Amino acid sequence: MADNLFVRDGVDLRKLARAIRSVPWLVMFGMMSLCFPAVIGPIAIKINPLIDLCVFAIMRMIVIVWIMRLMFLLRTNLLIILLAPAVLWIPFVDFLVLFVETMRGLRLLESHGVGIRQFGLADNAVVDVLMHPTCQNCGYDLTGNTIGVCPECGTNCTWRRTE
């Protein structure tokens, strides 16, 4: 029941914030996977060419699975998620999809008052923001508000607490 407190528009904002917090690391890992064949390839080919291919494939799969997880958290159409791996193998397409999905996630978080900076917010900061709602228009603290209207500016507030 407590998990419902963090679900807005069918998306668990706490899990989404965690996923977005790891995006910079995923980008670095993805770039390493693209550079791996050029840097390690000549050495690996002398030992066993299959090693180079296997390491590259494993690194790419990790990036693709993480992007699919982000798409799943954002409630992307299931058919698109299932077809995504075929397209995400193309170099730099995965980064484009990651960028688009991350921006979707950031907009969703910001629409619920959770602002993500650089490497994201800690879980307790996300919980704090979601447990203590503020008016999207004027920033008034809406804790305890049961009428759904901001007493400061009169804006309709869609925040609701399910217990």
C-alpha atoms as a PDB file:
ATOM      1  CA  MET A   1       0.000   0.000   0.000  1.00  0.00           C
ATOM      2  CA  ALA A   2       2.861   2.397   0.779  1.00  0.00           C
ATOM      3  CA  ASP A   3       4.218   1.906  -2.747  1.00  0.00           C
ATOM      4  CA  ASN A   4       1.033   3.465  -4.137  1.00  0.00           C
ATOM      5  CA  LEU A   5       2.152   6.776  -2.663  1.00  0.00           C
ATOM      6  CA  PHE A   6       4.851   7.023  -5.314  1.00  0.00           C
ATOM      7  CA  VAL A   7       2.776   5.976  -8.329  1.00  0.00           C
ATOM      8  CA  ARG A   8       1.573   8.843 -10.482  1.00  0.00           C
ATOM      9  CA  ASP A   9       0.054   8.427 -13.950  1.00  0.00           C
ATOM     10  CA  GLY A  10       0.733   4.695 -13.638  1.00  0.00           C
ATOM     11  CA  VAL A  11       4.507   5.253 -13.177  1.00  0.00           C
ATOM     12  CA  ASP A  12       6.449   4.573  -9.984  1.00  0.00           C
ATOM     13  CA  LEU A  13       8.319   7.877  -9.687  1.00  0.00           C
ATOM     14  CA  ARG A  14      10.764   6.507  -7.119  1.00  0.00           C
ATOM     15  CA  LYS A  15      11.929   3.712  -9.455  1.00  0.00           C
ATOM     16  CA  LEU A  16      12.009   6.139 -12.379  1.00  0.00           C
ATOM     17  CA  ALA A  17      14.228   8.571 -10.433  1.00  0.00           C
ATOM     18  CA  ARG A  18      16.604   5.689  -9.612  1.00  0.00           C
ATOM     19  CA  ALA A  19      16.789   4.663 -13.265  1.00  0.00           C
ATOM     20  CA  ILE A  20      17.412   8.213 -14.463  1.00  0.00           C
ATOM     21  CA  ARG A  21      20.057   8.695 -11.775  1.00  0.00           C
ATOM     22  CA  SER A  22      22.114   5.933 -13.399  1.00  0.00           C
ATOM     23  CA  VAL A  23      21.851   7.277 -16.986  1.00  0.00           C
ATOM     24  CA  PRO A  24      25.252   9.080 -16.975  1.00  0.00           C
ATOM     25  CA  TRP A  25      26.948   5.845 -15.928  1.00  0.00           C
ATOM     26  CA  LEU A  26      25.056   3.946 -18.599  1.00  0.00           C
ATOM     27  CA  VAL A  27      26.215   6.417 -21.250  1.00  0.00           C
ATOM     28  CA  MET A  28      29.842   5.973 -20.164  1.00  0.00           C
ATOM     29  CA  PHE A  29      29.435   2.188 -20.218  1.00  0.00           C
ATOM     30  CA  GLY A  30      27.817   2.377 -23.659  1.00  0.00           C
ATOM     31  CA  MET A  31      30.668   4.469 -25.016  1.00  0.00           C
ATOM     32  CA  MET A  32      33.130   1.941 -23.621  1.00  0.00           C
ATOM     33  CA  SER A  33      31.276  -0.822 -25.437  1.00  0.00           C
ATOM     34  CA  LEU A  34      31.620   1.077 -28.703  1.00  0.00           C
ATOM     35  CA  CYS A  35      35.329   1.786 -28.143  1.00  0.00           C
ATOM     36  CA  PHE A  36      36.154  -1.701 -26.891  1.00  0.00           C
ATOM     37  CA  PRO A  37      36.674  -3.355 -30.312  1.00  0.00           C
ATOM     38  CA  ALA A  38      39.072  -0.621 -31.451  1.00  0.00           C
ATOM     39  CA  VAL A  39      41.138  -0.589 -28.270  1.00  0.00           C
ATOM     40  CA  ILE A  40      41.159  -4.220 -27.161  1.00  0.00           C
ATOM     41  CA  GLY A  41      40.291  -5.789 -30.511  1.00  0.00           C
ATOM     42  CA  PRO A  42      43.838  -6.129 -31.905  1.00  0.00           C
ATOM     43  CA  ILE A  43      44.993  -7.837 -28.700  1.00  0.00           C
ATOM     44  CA  ALA A  44      41.929 -10.076 -28.445  1.00  0.00           C
ATOM     45  CA  ILE A  45      42.165 -11.156 -32.090  1.00  0.00           C
ATOM     46  CA  LYS A  46      45.656 -12.499 -31.449  1.00  0.00           C
ATOM     47  CA  ILE A  47      44.350 -14.516 -28.501  1.00  0.00           C
ATOM     48  CA  ASN A  48      40.885 -15.493 -29.709  1.00  0.00           C
ATOM     49  CA  PRO A  49      38.638 -13.428 -32.015  1.00  0.00           C
ATOM     50  CA  LEU A  50      35.570 -14.827 -30.276  1.00  0.00           C
ATOM     51  CA  ILE A  51      36.539 -13.076 -27.016  1.00  0.00           C
ATOM     52  CA  ASP A  52      36.272  -9.662 -28.665  1.00  0.00           C
ATOM     53  CA  LEU A  53      32.858 -10.456 -30.107  1.00  0.00           C
ATOM     54  CA  CYS A  54      31.515 -11.915 -26.841  1.00  0.00           C
ATOM     55  CA  VAL A  55      32.653  -9.008 -24.665  1.00  0.00           C
ATOM     56  CA  PHE A  56      31.235  -6.484 -27.134  1.00  0.00           C
ATOM     57  CA  ALA A  57      27.905  -8.347 -27.294  1.00  0.00           C
ATOM     58  CA  ILE A  58      27.619  -8.600 -23.508  1.00  0.00           C
ATOM     59  CA  MET A  59      28.364  -4.909 -23.018  1.00  0.00           C
ATOM     60  CA  ARG A  60      25.829  -3.918 -25.685  1.00  0.00           C
ATOM     61  CA  MET A  61      23.184  -6.227 -24.187  1.00  0.00           C
ATOM     62  CA  ILE A  62      23.573  -4.570 -20.779  1.00  0.00           C
ATOM     63  CA  VAL A  63      22.959  -1.158 -22.340  1.00  0.00           C
ATOM     64  CA  ILE A  64      19.970  -2.420 -24.340  1.00  0.00           C
ATOM     65  CA  VAL A  65      18.353  -4.140 -21.342  1.00  0.00           C
ATOM     66  CA  TRP A  66      18.733  -0.982 -19.253  1.00  0.00           C
ATOM     67  CA  ILE A  67      17.101   1.134 -21.974  1.00  0.00           C
ATOM     68  CA  MET A  68      14.251  -1.372 -22.206  1.00  0.00           C
ATOM     69  CA  ARG A  69      13.841  -1.172 -18.417  1.00  0.00           C
ATOM     70  CA  LEU A  70      13.556   2.613 -18.632  1.00  0.00           C
ATOM     71  CA  MET A  71      10.981   2.249 -21.420  1.00  0.00           C
ATOM     72  CA  PHE A  72       9.030  -0.233 -19.283  1.00  0.00           C
ATOM     73  CA  LEU A  73       9.081   2.121 -16.271  1.00  0.00           C
ATOM     74  CA  LEU A  74       7.699   4.897 -18.485  1.00  0.00           C
ATOM     75  CA  ARG A  75       4.853   2.630 -19.619  1.00  0.00           C
ATOM     76  CA  THR A  76       5.940   2.650 -23.266  1.00  0.00           C
ATOM     77  CA  ASN A  77       3.826   0.484 -25.576  1.00  0.00           C
ATOM     78  CA  LEU A  78       4.777  -3.172 -25.035  1.00  0.00           C
ATOM     79  CA  LEU A  79       5.128  -3.822 -28.782  1.00  0.00           C
ATOM     80  CA  ILE A  80       7.710  -1.032 -29.044  1.00  0.00           C
ATOM     81  CA  ILE A  81       9.621  -2.447 -26.067  1.00  0.00           C
ATOM     82  CA  LEU A  82       9.681  -5.899 -27.658  1.00  0.00           C
ATOM     83  CA  LEU A  83      10.861  -4.553 -31.034  1.00  0.00           C
ATOM     84  CA  ALA A  84      13.422  -2.195 -29.498  1.00  0.00           C
ATOM     85  CA  PRO A  85      16.361  -4.644 -29.215  1.00  0.00           C
ATOM     86  CA  ALA A  86      16.509  -5.093 -33.000  1.00  0.00           C
ATOM     87  CA  VAL A  87      16.933  -1.336 -33.505  1.00  0.00           C
ATOM     88  CA  LEU A  88      19.076  -0.655 -30.430  1.00  0.00           C
ATOM     89  CA  TRP A  89      21.963  -2.751 -31.793  1.00  0.00           C
ATOM     90  CA  ILE A  90      22.635   0.004 -34.337  1.00  0.00           C
ATOM     91  CA  PRO A  91      25.456   2.178 -32.936  1.00  0.00           C
ATOM     92  CA  PHE A  92      24.305   5.501 -31.490  1.00  0.00           C
ATOM     93  CA  VAL A  93      20.610   4.718 -32.036  1.00  0.00           C
ATOM     94  CA  ASP A  94      20.612   3.389 -28.494  1.00  0.00           C
ATOM     95  CA  PHE A  95      21.934   6.731 -27.235  1.00  0.00           C
ATOM     96  CA  LEU A  96      19.230   8.580 -29.150  1.00  0.00           C
ATOM     97  CA  VAL A  97      16.501   6.362 -27.662  1.00  0.00           C
ATOM     98  CA  LEU A  98      18.078   6.696 -24.216  1.00  0.00           C
ATOM     99  CA  PHE A  99      18.062  10.492 -24.572  1.00  0.00           C
ATOM    100  CA  VAL A 100      14.404  10.583 -25.671  1.00  0.00           C
ATOM    101  CA  GLU A 101      13.256   8.241 -22.896  1.00  0.00           C
ATOM    102  CA  THR A 102      15.291  10.099 -20.272  1.00  0.00           C
ATOM    103  CA  MET A 103      13.734  13.396 -21.332  1.00  0.00           C
ATOM    104  CA  ARG A 104      10.263  11.826 -21.096  1.00  0.00           C
ATOM    105  CA  GLY A 105      11.091  10.632 -17.600  1.00  0.00           C
ATOM    106  CA  LEU A 106      12.482  14.001 -16.530  1.00  0.00           C
ATOM    107  CA  ARG A 107       9.374  15.809 -17.793  1.00  0.00           C
ATOM    108  CA  LEU A 108       7.144  13.368 -15.905  1.00  0.00           C
ATOM    109  CA  LEU A 109       9.140  13.773 -12.695  1.00  0.00           C
ATOM    110  CA  GLU A 110       9.161  17.555 -13.016  1.00  0.00           C
ATOM    111  CA  SER A 111       5.415  17.629 -13.637  1.00  0.00           C
ATOM    112  CA  HIS A 112       5.017  16.048 -10.191  1.00  0.00           C
ATOM    113  CA  GLY A 113       7.428  18.426  -8.512  1.00  0.00           C
ATOM    114  CA  VAL A 114      10.499  16.184  -8.493  1.00  0.00           C
ATOM    115  CA  GLY A 115      13.421  18.028 -10.076  1.00  0.00           C
ATOM    116  CA  ILE A 116      16.426  15.921 -11.072  1.00  0.00           C
ATOM    117  CA  ARG A 117      19.866  17.512 -11.111  1.00  0.00           C
ATOM    118  CA  GLN A 118      23.085  16.100 -12.600  1.00  0.00           C
ATOM    119  CA  PHE A 119      23.282  12.644 -11.015  1.00  0.00           C
ATOM    120  CA  GLY A 120      19.723  12.741  -9.688  1.00  0.00           C
ATOM    121  CA  LEU A 121      18.127  12.849  -6.282  1.00  0.00           C
ATOM    122  CA  ALA A 122      18.578  10.410  -3.464  1.00  0.00           C
ATOM    123  CA  ASP A 123      15.578   8.189  -2.745  1.00  0.00           C
ATOM    124  CA  ASN A 124      14.762  10.051   0.458  1.00  0.00           C
ATOM    125  CA  ALA A 125      14.612  13.367  -1.451  1.00  0.00           C
ATOM    126  CA  VAL A 126      12.132  11.872  -3.944  1.00  0.00           C
ATOM    127  CA  VAL A 127      10.057  10.487  -1.080  1.00  0.00           C
ATOM    128  CA  ASP A 128      10.199  13.866   0.655  1.00  0.00           C
ATOM    129  CA  VAL A 129       8.922  15.709  -2.403  1.00  0.00           C
ATOM    130  CA  LEU A 130       6.128  13.225  -3.042  1.00  0.00           C
ATOM    131  CA  MET A 131       5.043  13.077   0.609  1.00  0.00           C
ATOM    132  CA  HIS A 132       4.957  16.883   1.006  1.00  0.00           C
ATOM    133  CA  PRO A 133       3.101  18.224  -2.016  1.00  0.00           C
ATOM    134  CA  THR A 134       3.314  21.801  -3.183  1.00  0.00           C
ATOM    135  CA  CYS A 135       1.177  23.766  -5.613  1.00  0.00           C
ATOM    136  CA  GLN A 136       2.556  23.579  -9.150  1.00  0.00           C
ATOM    137  CA  ASN A 137       1.566  27.196  -9.738  1.00  0.00           C
ATOM    138  CA  CYS A 138       2.733  29.102  -6.636  1.00  0.00           C
ATOM    139  CA  GLY A 139       4.710  26.556  -4.567  1.00  0.00           C
ATOM    140  CA  TYR A 140       2.374  26.687  -1.549  1.00  0.00           C
ATOM    141  CA  ASP A 141       2.712  23.674   0.789  1.00  0.00           C
ATOM    142  CA  LEU A 142      -0.420  21.554   0.324  1.00  0.00           C
ATOM    143  CA  THR A 143       0.185  19.133   3.197  1.00  0.00           C
ATOM    144  CA  GLY A 144      -3.196  18.391   4.765  1.00  0.00           C
ATOM    145  CA  ASN A 145      -5.161  19.898   1.876  1.00  0.00           C
ATOM    146  CA  THR A 146      -8.264  17.806   1.274  1.00  0.00           C
ATOM    147  CA  ILE A 147     -10.297  20.044  -1.050  1.00  0.00           C
ATOM    148  CA  GLY A 148      -7.961  19.789  -4.061  1.00  0.00           C
ATOM    149  CA  VAL A 149      -7.629  23.563  -4.527  1.00  0.00           C
ATOM    150  CA  CYS A 150      -4.635  25.665  -3.521  1.00  0.00           C
ATOM    151  CA  PRO A 151      -5.779  28.138  -0.840  1.00  0.00           C
ATOM    152  CA  GLU A 152      -3.083  30.607  -1.926  1.00  0.00           C
ATOM    153  CA  CYS A 153      -3.775  30.958  -5.666  1.00  0.00           C
ATOM    154  CA  GLY A 154      -6.942  28.904  -6.301  1.00  0.00           C
ATOM    155  CA  THR A 155      -5.299  26.423  -8.719  1.00  0.00           C
ATOM    156  CA  ASN A 156      -6.824  22.925  -8.923  1.00  0.00           C
ATOM    157  CA  CYS A 157      -4.345  20.443  -7.464  1.00  0.00           C
ATOM    158  CA  THR A 158      -4.347  16.857  -8.646  1.00  0.00           C
ATOM    159  CA  TRP A 159      -2.141  15.604  -5.806  1.00  0.00           C
ATOM    160  CA  ARG A 160      -3.759  12.863  -3.835  1.00  0.00           C
ATOM    161  CA  ARG A 161      -2.492  10.653  -1.092  1.00  0.00           C
ATOM    162  CA  THR A 162      -3.679   7.051  -1.134  1.00  0.00           C
ATOM    163  CA  GLU A 163      -3.363   5.234   2.157  1.00  0.00           C
END
